Amino acid sequence: PRLIMLDEPSLGLSPKFVTLIFDKLVEMKRAGFTLMVVEQNATRALALADRGYVLELGRNRLEGPGPGLLADPEVKRLYLGG
């Protein structure tokens, strides 16, 4: 498959395994796979994302390039404790 859909791939995992999972996702992205990831770990997910969508109460609150969202003060306030 060229599209991989993942729901909370880091849920319940130790930090070591979270790193392994996201390292593998980076490899898959570089290999040309399209990844659709739903993830509460906003820092890791947005760093990986070409495009991200930030939901609040089930509604799309913000969208844009992953690194741009990661730097957005509103995203930091909502999800990263900034």
PDB file of N, CA and C in Angstrom:
ATOM      1  N   PRO A   1       0.830  -1.208   0.000  1.00  0.00           N
ATOM      2  CA  PRO A   1       0.000   0.000   0.000  1.00  0.00           C
ATOM      3  C   PRO A   1       0.865   1.259   0.000  1.00  0.00           C
ATOM      4  N   ARG A   2       0.375   2.298  -0.599  1.00  0.00           N
ATOM      5  CA  ARG A   2       1.090   3.573  -0.622  1.00  0.00           C
ATOM      6  C   ARG A   2       0.511   4.544   0.394  1.00  0.00           C
ATOM      7  N   LEU A   3      -0.634   4.222   0.977  1.00  0.00           N
ATOM      8  CA  LEU A   3      -1.251   5.049   2.012  1.00  0.00           C
ATOM      9  C   LEU A   3      -1.302   4.238   3.299  1.00  0.00           C
ATOM     10  N   ILE A   4      -0.749   4.806   4.352  1.00  0.00           N
ATOM     11  CA  ILE A   4      -0.776   4.169   5.664  1.00  0.00           C
ATOM     12  C   ILE A   4      -1.562   5.084   6.592  1.00  0.00           C
ATOM     13  N   MET A   5      -2.601   4.542   7.237  1.00  0.00           N
ATOM     14  CA  MET A   5      -3.403   5.323   8.182  1.00  0.00           C
ATOM     15  C   MET A   5      -3.170   4.765   9.581  1.00  0.00           C
ATOM     16  N   LEU A   6      -2.801   5.652  10.508  1.00  0.00           N
ATOM     17  CA  LEU A   6      -2.487   5.239  11.877  1.00  0.00           C
ATOM     18  C   LEU A   6      -3.281   6.075  12.866  1.00  0.00           C
ATOM     19  N   ASP A   7      -3.849   5.409  13.855  1.00  0.00           N
ATOM     20  CA  ASP A   7      -4.597   6.087  14.912  1.00  0.00           C
ATOM     21  C   ASP A   7      -3.826   5.929  16.215  1.00  0.00           C
ATOM     22  N   GLU A   8      -3.274   7.027  16.704  1.00  0.00           N
ATOM     23  CA  GLU A   8      -2.543   7.054  17.982  1.00  0.00           C
ATOM     24  C   GLU A   8      -1.434   5.997  18.040  1.00  0.00           C
ATOM     25  N   PRO A   9      -0.486   6.042  17.103  1.00  0.00           N
ATOM     26  CA  PRO A   9       0.547   5.006  17.106  1.00  0.00           C
ATOM     27  C   PRO A   9       1.455   5.024  18.335  1.00  0.00           C
ATOM     28  N   SER A  10       1.483   6.129  19.079  1.00  0.00           N
ATOM     29  CA  SER A  10       2.360   6.179  20.259  1.00  0.00           C
ATOM     30  C   SER A  10       1.619   5.937  21.572  1.00  0.00           C
ATOM     31  N   LEU A  11       0.321   5.745  21.508  1.00  0.00           N
ATOM     32  CA  LEU A  11      -0.488   5.608  22.722  1.00  0.00           C
ATOM     33  C   LEU A  11      -0.004   4.454  23.596  1.00  0.00           C
ATOM     34  N   GLY A  12       0.315   4.762  24.837  1.00  0.00           N
ATOM     35  CA  GLY A  12       0.684   3.751  25.814  1.00  0.00           C
ATOM     36  C   GLY A  12       2.101   3.214  25.704  1.00  0.00           C
ATOM     37  N   LEU A  13       2.891   3.761  24.800  1.00  0.00           N
ATOM     38  CA  LEU A  13       4.246   3.253  24.606  1.00  0.00           C
ATOM     39  C   LEU A  13       5.259   4.047  25.430  1.00  0.00           C
ATOM     40  N   SER A  14       6.345   3.397  25.764  1.00  0.00           N
ATOM     41  CA  SER A  14       7.439   4.077  26.465  1.00  0.00           C
ATOM     42  C   SER A  14       8.102   5.062  25.500  1.00  0.00           C
ATOM     43  N   PRO A  15       8.780   6.073  26.023  1.00  0.00           N
ATOM     44  CA  PRO A  15       9.464   7.036  25.151  1.00  0.00           C
ATOM     45  C   PRO A  15      10.410   6.374  24.145  1.00  0.00           C
ATOM     46  N   LYS A  16      11.068   5.311  24.546  1.00  0.00           N
ATOM     47  CA  LYS A  16      11.973   4.601  23.634  1.00  0.00           C
ATOM     48  C   LYS A  16      11.219   4.072  22.419  1.00  0.00           C
ATOM     49  N   PHE A  17      10.053   3.470  22.648  1.00  0.00           N
ATOM     50  CA  PHE A  17       9.284   2.909  21.541  1.00  0.00           C
ATOM     51  C   PHE A  17       8.595   3.994  20.719  1.00  0.00           C
ATOM     52  N   VAL A  18       8.235   5.095  21.353  1.00  0.00           N
ATOM     53  CA  VAL A  18       7.681   6.228  20.597  1.00  0.00           C
ATOM     54  C   VAL A  18       8.727   6.713  19.595  1.00  0.00           C
ATOM     55  N   THR A  19       9.962   6.833  20.043  1.00  0.00           N
ATOM     56  CA  THR A  19      11.040   7.251  19.143  1.00  0.00           C
ATOM     57  C   THR A  19      11.203   6.257  18.000  1.00  0.00           C
ATOM     58  N   LEU A  20      11.162   4.972  18.295  1.00  0.00           N
ATOM     59  CA  LEU A  20      11.272   3.957  17.243  1.00  0.00           C
ATOM     60  C   LEU A  20      10.139   4.070  16.230  1.00  0.00           C
ATOM     61  N   ILE A  21       8.918   4.263  16.725  1.00  0.00           N
ATOM     62  CA  ILE A  21       7.756   4.393  15.834  1.00  0.00           C
ATOM     63  C   ILE A  21       7.921   5.599  14.917  1.00  0.00           C
ATOM     64  N   PHE A  22       8.264   6.753  15.485  1.00  0.00           N
ATOM     65  CA  PHE A  22       8.374   7.956  14.661  1.00  0.00           C
ATOM     66  C   PHE A  22       9.583   7.899  13.729  1.00  0.00           C
ATOM     67  N   ASP A  23      10.655   7.246  14.130  1.00  0.00           N
ATOM     68  CA  ASP A  23      11.781   7.041  13.214  1.00  0.00           C
ATOM     69  C   ASP A  23      11.338   6.213  12.013  1.00  0.00           C
ATOM     70  N   LYS A  24      10.533   5.189  12.253  1.00  0.00           N
ATOM     71  CA  LYS A  24      10.025   4.354  11.159  1.00  0.00           C
ATOM     72  C   LYS A  24       9.085   5.158  10.260  1.00  0.00           C
ATOM     73  N   LEU A  25       8.270   6.024  10.852  1.00  0.00           N
ATOM     74  CA  LEU A  25       7.383   6.864  10.040  1.00  0.00           C
ATOM     75  C   LEU A  25       8.181   7.805   9.144  1.00  0.00           C
ATOM     76  N   VAL A  26       9.272   8.351   9.658  1.00  0.00           N
ATOM     77  CA  VAL A  26      10.141   9.207   8.840  1.00  0.00           C
ATOM     78  C   VAL A  26      10.708   8.401   7.672  1.00  0.00           C
ATOM     79  N   GLU A  27      11.159   7.185   7.933  1.00  0.00           N
ATOM     80  CA  GLU A  27      11.666   6.312   6.865  1.00  0.00           C
ATOM     81  C   GLU A  27      10.596   6.072   5.808  1.00  0.00           C
ATOM     82  N   MET A  28       9.377   5.789   6.257  1.00  0.00           N
ATOM     83  CA  MET A  28       8.285   5.510   5.321  1.00  0.00           C
ATOM     84  C   MET A  28       7.963   6.746   4.485  1.00  0.00           C
ATOM     85  N   LYS A  29       7.967   7.899   5.115  1.00  0.00           N
ATOM     86  CA  LYS A  29       7.710   9.148   4.391  1.00  0.00           C
ATOM     87  C   LYS A  29       8.775   9.358   3.317  1.00  0.00           C
ATOM     88  N   ARG A  30      10.028   9.160   3.684  1.00  0.00           N
ATOM     89  CA  ARG A  30      11.132   9.316   2.721  1.00  0.00           C
ATOM     90  C   ARG A  30      11.041   8.314   1.576  1.00  0.00           C
ATOM     91  N   ALA A  31      10.457   7.154   1.850  1.00  0.00           N
ATOM     92  CA  ALA A  31      10.297   6.118   0.825  1.00  0.00           C
ATOM     93  C   ALA A  31       9.105   6.392  -0.090  1.00  0.00           C
ATOM     94  N   GLY A  32       8.365   7.465   0.186  1.00  0.00           N
ATOM     95  CA  GLY A  32       7.272   7.848  -0.697  1.00  0.00           C
ATOM     96  C   GLY A  32       5.884   7.446  -0.248  1.00  0.00           C
ATOM     97  N   PHE A  33       5.764   6.895   0.942  1.00  0.00           N
ATOM     98  CA  PHE A  33       4.443   6.548   1.451  1.00  0.00           C
ATOM     99  C   PHE A  33       3.692   7.811   1.859  1.00  0.00           C
ATOM    100  N   THR A  34       2.392   7.785   1.678  1.00  0.00           N
ATOM    101  CA  THR A  34       1.526   8.820   2.219  1.00  0.00           C
ATOM    102  C   THR A  34       1.059   8.338   3.580  1.00  0.00           C
ATOM    103  N   LEU A  35       1.223   9.176   4.591  1.00  0.00           N
ATOM    104  CA  LEU A  35       0.858   8.812   5.958  1.00  0.00           C
ATOM    105  C   LEU A  35      -0.269   9.705   6.441  1.00  0.00           C
ATOM    106  N   MET A  36      -1.301   9.100   6.978  1.00  0.00           N
ATOM    107  CA  MET A  36      -2.370   9.834   7.644  1.00  0.00           C
ATOM    108  C   MET A  36      -2.326   9.389   9.103  1.00  0.00           C
ATOM    109  N   VAL A  37      -1.957  10.317   9.982  1.00  0.00           N
ATOM    110  CA  VAL A  37      -1.714   9.969  11.379  1.00  0.00           C
ATOM    111  C   VAL A  37      -2.586  10.827  12.283  1.00  0.00           C
ATOM    112  N   VAL A  38      -3.350  10.182  13.139  1.00  0.00           N
ATOM    113  CA  VAL A  38      -4.085  10.856  14.210  1.00  0.00           C
ATOM    114  C   VAL A  38      -3.264  10.621  15.466  1.00  0.00           C
ATOM    115  N   GLU A  39      -2.835  11.697  16.110  1.00  0.00           N
ATOM    116  CA  GLU A  39      -1.874  11.546  17.202  1.00  0.00           C
ATOM    117  C   GLU A  39      -2.014  12.680  18.211  1.00  0.00           C
ATOM    118  N   GLN A  40      -2.030  12.325  19.499  1.00  0.00           N
ATOM    119  CA  GLN A  40      -2.098  13.335  20.558  1.00  0.00           C
ATOM    120  C   GLN A  40      -0.736  13.965  20.828  1.00  0.00           C
ATOM    121  N   ASN A  41       0.335  13.287  20.456  1.00  0.00           N
ATOM    122  CA  ASN A  41       1.678  13.831  20.637  1.00  0.00           C
ATOM    123  C   ASN A  41       1.920  14.837  19.512  1.00  0.00           C
ATOM    124  N   ALA A  42       1.425  16.063  19.726  1.00  0.00           N
ATOM    125  CA  ALA A  42       1.449  17.086  18.681  1.00  0.00           C
ATOM    126  C   ALA A  42       2.861  17.419  18.235  1.00  0.00           C
ATOM    127  N   THR A  43       3.789  17.458  19.154  1.00  0.00           N
ATOM    128  CA  THR A  43       5.162  17.816  18.800  1.00  0.00           C
ATOM    129  C   THR A  43       5.736  16.833  17.787  1.00  0.00           C
ATOM    130  N   ARG A  44       5.606  15.546  18.063  1.00  0.00           N
ATOM    131  CA  ARG A  44       6.162  14.534  17.156  1.00  0.00           C
ATOM    132  C   ARG A  44       5.397  14.503  15.833  1.00  0.00           C
ATOM    133  N   ALA A  45       4.074  14.556  15.905  1.00  0.00           N
ATOM    134  CA  ALA A  45       3.264  14.442  14.692  1.00  0.00           C
ATOM    135  C   ALA A  45       3.460  15.638  13.764  1.00  0.00           C
ATOM    136  N   LEU A  46       3.455  16.848  14.314  1.00  0.00           N
ATOM    137  CA  LEU A  46       3.593  18.034  13.468  1.00  0.00           C
ATOM    138  C   LEU A  46       4.999  18.171  12.901  1.00  0.00           C
ATOM    139  N   ALA A  47       5.998  17.702  13.624  1.00  0.00           N
ATOM    140  CA  ALA A  47       7.363  17.733  13.095  1.00  0.00           C
ATOM    141  C   ALA A  47       7.484  16.839  11.858  1.00  0.00           C
ATOM    142  N   LEU A  48       6.690  15.798  11.796  1.00  0.00           N
ATOM    143  CA  LEU A  48       6.700  14.843  10.691  1.00  0.00           C
ATOM    144  C   LEU A  48       5.802  15.286   9.530  1.00  0.00           C
ATOM    145  N   ALA A  49       4.778  16.067   9.829  1.00  0.00           N
ATOM    146  CA  ALA A  49       3.701  16.329   8.872  1.00  0.00           C
ATOM    147  C   ALA A  49       4.062  17.358   7.804  1.00  0.00           C
ATOM    148  N   ASP A  50       3.719  17.040   6.552  1.00  0.00           N
ATOM    149  CA  ASP A  50       3.749  18.061   5.504  1.00  0.00           C
ATOM    150  C   ASP A  50       2.572  19.011   5.708  1.00  0.00           C
ATOM    151  N   ARG A  51       1.465  18.445   6.144  1.00  0.00           N
ATOM    152  CA  ARG A  51       0.248  19.224   6.377  1.00  0.00           C
ATOM    153  C   ARG A  51      -0.388  18.693   7.648  1.00  0.00           C
ATOM    154  N   GLY A  52      -0.870  19.610   8.479  1.00  0.00           N
ATOM    155  CA  GLY A  52      -1.487  19.208   9.730  1.00  0.00           C
ATOM    156  C   GLY A  52      -2.828  19.880   9.939  1.00  0.00           C
ATOM    157  N   TYR A  53      -3.646  19.233  10.723  1.00  0.00           N
ATOM    158  CA  TYR A  53      -4.958  19.755  11.097  1.00  0.00           C
ATOM    159  C   TYR A  53      -5.069  19.638  12.606  1.00  0.00           C
ATOM    160  N   VAL A  54      -5.393  20.727  13.255  1.00  0.00           N
ATOM    161  CA  VAL A  54      -5.517  20.748  14.708  1.00  0.00           C
ATOM    162  C   VAL A  54      -6.997  20.822  15.044  1.00  0.00           C
ATOM    163  N   LEU A  55      -7.471  19.827  15.777  1.00  0.00           N
ATOM    164  CA  LEU A  55      -8.879  19.764  16.150  1.00  0.00           C
ATOM    165  C   LEU A  55      -9.064  20.210  17.589  1.00  0.00           C
ATOM    166  N   GLU A  56     -10.199  20.839  17.828  1.00  0.00           N
ATOM    167  CA  GLU A  56     -10.610  21.177  19.185  1.00  0.00           C
ATOM    168  C   GLU A  56     -12.086  20.849  19.290  1.00  0.00           C
ATOM    169  N   LEU A  57     -12.417  19.993  20.230  1.00  0.00           N
ATOM    170  CA  LEU A  57     -13.797  19.540  20.424  1.00  0.00           C
ATOM    171  C   LEU A  57     -14.385  18.983  19.133  1.00  0.00           C
ATOM    172  N   GLY A  58     -13.562  18.244  18.386  1.00  0.00           N
ATOM    173  CA  GLY A  58     -14.025  17.585  17.177  1.00  0.00           C
ATOM    174  C   GLY A  58     -14.146  18.470  15.957  1.00  0.00           C
ATOM    175  N   ARG A  59     -13.740  19.713  16.064  1.00  0.00           N
ATOM    176  CA  ARG A  59     -13.826  20.640  14.926  1.00  0.00           C
ATOM    177  C   ARG A  59     -12.429  21.101  14.525  1.00  0.00           C
ATOM    178  N   ASN A  60     -12.284  21.316  13.210  1.00  0.00           N
ATOM    179  CA  ASN A  60     -11.007  21.783  12.699  1.00  0.00           C
ATOM    180  C   ASN A  60     -10.769  23.215  13.169  1.00  0.00           C
ATOM    181  N   ARG A  61      -9.750  23.389  13.984  1.00  0.00           N
ATOM    182  CA  ARG A  61      -9.443  24.708  14.542  1.00  0.00           C
ATOM    183  C   ARG A  61      -8.384  25.429  13.713  1.00  0.00           C
ATOM    184  N   LEU A  62      -7.347  24.701  13.309  1.00  0.00           N
ATOM    185  CA  LEU A  62      -6.245  25.270  12.533  1.00  0.00           C
ATOM    186  C   LEU A  62      -5.760  24.237  11.530  1.00  0.00           C
ATOM    187  N   GLU A  63      -5.182  24.713  10.438  1.00  0.00           N
ATOM    188  CA  GLU A  63      -4.566  23.808   9.480  1.00  0.00           C
ATOM    189  C   GLU A  63      -3.430  24.526   8.779  1.00  0.00           C
ATOM    190  N   GLY A  64      -2.482  23.750   8.306  1.00  0.00           N
ATOM    191  CA  GLY A  64      -1.342  24.325   7.610  1.00  0.00           C
ATOM    192  C   GLY A  64      -0.183  23.355   7.587  1.00  0.00           C
ATOM    193  N   PRO A  65       0.969  23.816   7.101  1.00  0.00           N
ATOM    194  CA  PRO A  65       2.159  22.963   7.108  1.00  0.00           C
ATOM    195  C   PRO A  65       2.517  22.558   8.537  1.00  0.00           C
ATOM    196  N   GLY A  66       2.922  21.317   8.721  1.00  0.00           N
ATOM    197  CA  GLY A  66       3.238  20.814  10.058  1.00  0.00           C
ATOM    198  C   GLY A  66       4.206  21.687  10.835  1.00  0.00           C
ATOM    199  N   PRO A  67       5.376  22.023  10.253  1.00  0.00           N
ATOM    200  CA  PRO A  67       6.319  22.863  10.998  1.00  0.00           C
ATOM    201  C   PRO A  67       5.752  24.248  11.324  1.00  0.00           C
ATOM    202  N   GLY A  68       4.920  24.782  10.443  1.00  0.00           N
ATOM    203  CA  GLY A  68       4.284  26.075  10.714  1.00  0.00           C
ATOM    204  C   GLY A  68       3.323  25.992  11.884  1.00  0.00           C
ATOM    205  N   LEU A  69       2.548  24.919  11.935  1.00  0.00           N
ATOM    206  CA  LEU A  69       1.641  24.730  13.067  1.00  0.00           C
ATOM    207  C   LEU A  69       2.420  24.519  14.356  1.00  0.00           C
ATOM    208  N   LEU A  70       3.525  23.813  14.264  1.00  0.00           N
ATOM    209  CA  LEU A  70       4.346  23.565  15.443  1.00  0.00           C
ATOM    210  C   LEU A  70       4.865  24.870  16.040  1.00  0.00           C
ATOM    211  N   ALA A  71       5.110  25.852  15.189  1.00  0.00           N
ATOM    212  CA  ALA A  71       5.606  27.152  15.648  1.00  0.00           C
ATOM    213  C   ALA A  71       4.488  28.131  15.994  1.00  0.00           C
ATOM    214  N   ASP A  72       3.240  27.781  15.691  1.00  0.00           N
ATOM    215  CA  ASP A  72       2.104  28.682  15.909  1.00  0.00           C
ATOM    216  C   ASP A  72       1.826  28.846  17.404  1.00  0.00           C
ATOM    217  N   PRO A  73       1.777  30.083  17.910  1.00  0.00           N
ATOM    218  CA  PRO A  73       1.530  30.300  19.340  1.00  0.00           C
ATOM    219  C   PRO A  73       0.203  29.711  19.826  1.00  0.00           C
ATOM    220  N   GLU A  74      -0.813  29.706  18.975  1.00  0.00           N
ATOM    221  CA  GLU A  74      -2.112  29.153  19.375  1.00  0.00           C
ATOM    222  C   GLU A  74      -2.017  27.639  19.563  1.00  0.00           C
ATOM    223  N   VAL A  75      -1.300  26.967  18.690  1.00  0.00           N
ATOM    224  CA  VAL A  75      -1.106  25.520  18.835  1.00  0.00           C
ATOM    225  C   VAL A  75      -0.303  25.239  20.098  1.00  0.00           C
ATOM    226  N   LYS A  76       0.722  26.026  20.329  1.00  0.00           N
ATOM    227  CA  LYS A  76       1.515  25.849  21.551  1.00  0.00           C
ATOM    228  C   LYS A  76       0.639  26.013  22.788  1.00  0.00           C
ATOM    229  N   ARG A  77      -0.214  27.000  22.771  1.00  0.00           N
ATOM    230  CA  ARG A  77      -1.094  27.239  23.916  1.00  0.00           C
ATOM    231  C   ARG A  77      -2.060  26.076  24.116  1.00  0.00           C
ATOM    232  N   LEU A  78      -2.672  25.611  23.030  1.00  0.00           N
ATOM    233  CA  LEU A  78      -3.695  24.567  23.121  1.00  0.00           C
ATOM    234  C   LEU A  78      -3.126  23.190  23.442  1.00  0.00           C
ATOM    235  N   TYR A  79      -2.012  22.837  22.806  1.00  0.00           N
ATOM    236  CA  TYR A  79      -1.561  21.451  22.851  1.00  0.00           C
ATOM    237  C   TYR A  79      -0.202  21.228  23.480  1.00  0.00           C
ATOM    238  N   LEU A  80       0.619  22.246  23.500  1.00  0.00           N
ATOM    239  CA  LEU A  80       1.982  22.040  23.966  1.00  0.00           C
ATOM    240  C   LEU A  80       2.243  22.723  25.299  1.00  0.00           C
ATOM    241  N   GLY A  81       1.206  23.303  25.879  1.00  0.00           N
ATOM    242  CA  GLY A  81       1.346  23.919  27.187  1.00  0.00           C
ATOM    243  C   GLY A  81       2.084  25.243  27.175  1.00  0.00           C
ATOM    244  N   GLY A  82       2.150  25.886  25.986  1.00  0.00           N
ATOM    245  CA  GLY A  82       2.893  27.150  25.874  1.00  0.00           C
ATOM    246  C   GLY A  82       2.094  28.356  26.269  1.00  0.00           C
TER     247      GLY A  82
END
